[in-house]
PDB file of N, CA and C in Angstrom:
ATOM      1  N   UNK A   1       0.915  -1.165   0.064  1.00  0.00           N
ATOM      2  CA  UNK A   1      -0.027  -0.045  -0.003  1.00  0.00           C
ATOM      3  C   UNK A   1       0.988   1.245  -0.045  1.00  0.00           C
ATOM      4  N   UNK A   2       1.941   1.088   0.785  1.00  0.00           N
ATOM      5  CA  UNK A   2       2.935   2.236   0.837  1.00  0.00           C
ATOM      6  C   UNK A   2       3.486   2.675  -0.504  1.00  0.00           C
ATOM      7  N   UNK A   3       3.618   1.600  -1.297  1.00  0.00           N
ATOM      8  CA  UNK A   3       4.303   1.973  -2.707  1.00  0.00           C
ATOM      9  C   UNK A   3       3.328   2.640  -3.623  1.00  0.00           C
ATOM     10  N   UNK A   4       2.058   2.315  -3.471  1.00  0.00           N
ATOM     11  CA  UNK A   4       0.938   2.968  -4.189  1.00  0.00           C
ATOM     12  C   UNK A   4       0.846   4.402  -3.816  1.00  0.00           C
ATOM     13  N   UNK A   5       0.938   4.737  -2.483  1.00  0.00           N
ATOM     14  CA  UNK A   5       0.931   6.013  -2.048  1.00  0.00           C
ATOM     15  C   UNK A   5       1.983   6.895  -2.609  1.00  0.00           C
ATOM     16  N   UNK A   6       3.205   6.386  -2.572  1.00  0.00           N
ATOM     17  CA  UNK A   6       4.459   7.103  -3.155  1.00  0.00           C
ATOM     18  C   UNK A   6       4.157   7.402  -4.736  1.00  0.00           C
ATOM     19  N   UNK A   7       3.650   6.276  -5.443  1.00  0.00           N
ATOM     20  CA  UNK A   7       3.498   6.538  -6.891  1.00  0.00           C
ATOM     21  C   UNK A   7       2.414   7.463  -7.066  1.00  0.00           C
ATOM     22  N   UNK A   8       1.294   7.496  -6.265  1.00  0.00           N
ATOM     23  CA  UNK A   8       0.273   8.454  -6.385  1.00  0.00           C
ATOM     24  C   UNK A   8       0.733   9.891  -6.182  1.00  0.00           C
ATOM     25  N   UNK A   9       1.533  10.019  -5.106  1.00  0.00           N
ATOM     26  CA  UNK A   9       2.207  11.362  -4.971  1.00  0.00           C
ATOM     27  C   UNK A   9       3.037  11.914  -6.039  1.00  0.00           C
ATOM     28  N   UNK A  10       3.751  10.977  -6.699  1.00  0.00           N
ATOM     29  CA  UNK A  10       4.573  11.351  -7.812  1.00  0.00           C
ATOM     30  C   UNK A  10       3.690  11.779  -9.036  1.00  0.00           C
ATOM     31  N   UNK A  11       2.668  10.921  -9.207  1.00  0.00           N
ATOM     32  CA  UNK A  11       1.905  11.265 -10.383  1.00  0.00           C
ATOM     33  C   UNK A  11       0.999  12.628 -10.043  1.00  0.00           C
ATOM     34  N   UNK A  12       0.684  12.853  -9.009  1.00  0.00           N
ATOM     35  CA  UNK A  12       0.026  14.164  -8.646  1.00  0.00           C
ATOM     36  C   UNK A  12       0.924  15.297  -8.879  1.00  0.00           C
ATOM     37  N   UNK A  13       2.294  15.154  -8.500  1.00  0.00           N
ATOM     38  CA  UNK A  13       3.185  16.211  -8.854  1.00  0.00           C
ATOM     39  C   UNK A  13       3.456  16.350 -10.145  1.00  0.00           C
ATOM     40  N   UNK A  14       3.506  15.301 -10.933  1.00  0.00           N
ATOM     41  CA  UNK A  14       3.883  15.396 -12.405  1.00  0.00           C
ATOM     42  C   UNK A  14       2.807  15.836 -13.225  1.00  0.00           C
ATOM     43  N   UNK A  15       1.505  15.355 -12.790  1.00  0.00           N
ATOM     44  CA  UNK A  15       0.301  15.599 -13.593  1.00  0.00           C
ATOM     45  C   UNK A  15      -0.283  17.055 -13.288  1.00  0.00           C
ATOM     46  N   UNK A  16      -1.202  17.540 -14.274  1.00  0.00           N
ATOM     47  CA  UNK A  16      -1.673  18.922 -14.161  1.00  0.00           C
ATOM     48  C   UNK A  16      -2.856  18.754 -13.115  1.00  0.00           C
ATOM     49  N   UNK A  17      -3.262  19.960 -12.632  1.00  0.00           N
ATOM     50  CA  UNK A  17      -4.351  20.070 -11.710  1.00  0.00           C
ATOM     51  C   UNK A  17      -5.617  19.380 -12.087  1.00  0.00           C
ATOM     52  N   UNK A  18      -5.765  19.107 -13.354  1.00  0.00           N
ATOM     53  CA  UNK A  18      -7.007  18.442 -13.798  1.00  0.00           C
ATOM     54  C   UNK A  18      -7.050  16.994 -13.201  1.00  0.00           C
ATOM     55  N   UNK A  19      -5.873  16.317 -13.217  1.00  0.00           N
ATOM     56  CA  UNK A  19      -5.803  14.981 -12.640  1.00  0.00           C
ATOM     57  C   UNK A  19      -6.095  15.107 -11.213  1.00  0.00           C
ATOM     58  N   UNK A  20      -5.643  15.991 -10.463  1.00  0.00           N
ATOM     59  CA  UNK A  20      -5.882  16.124  -9.052  1.00  0.00           C
ATOM     60  C   UNK A  20      -7.213  16.069  -8.655  1.00  0.00           C
ATOM     61  N   UNK A  21      -8.018  16.691  -9.572  1.00  0.00           N
ATOM     62  CA  UNK A  21      -9.505  16.811  -9.282  1.00  0.00           C
ATOM     63  C   UNK A  21     -10.127  15.399  -9.303  1.00  0.00           C
ATOM     64  N   UNK A  22      -9.600  14.454 -10.174  1.00  0.00           N
ATOM     65  CA  UNK A  22     -10.143  13.130 -10.330  1.00  0.00           C
ATOM     66  C   UNK A  22      -9.862  12.307  -9.093  1.00  0.00           C
ATOM     67  N   UNK A  23      -8.679  12.632  -8.475  1.00  0.00           N
ATOM     68  CA  UNK A  23      -8.362  12.003  -7.173  1.00  0.00           C
ATOM     69  C   UNK A  23      -9.125  12.407  -6.027  1.00  0.00           C
TER      70      UNK A  23
END
């Protein structure tokens, strides 16, 4: 689960604000 959390954090940082709304 921790790995998914790190991956999600990286994705949110690299992705535009639009993706953040989906999460």
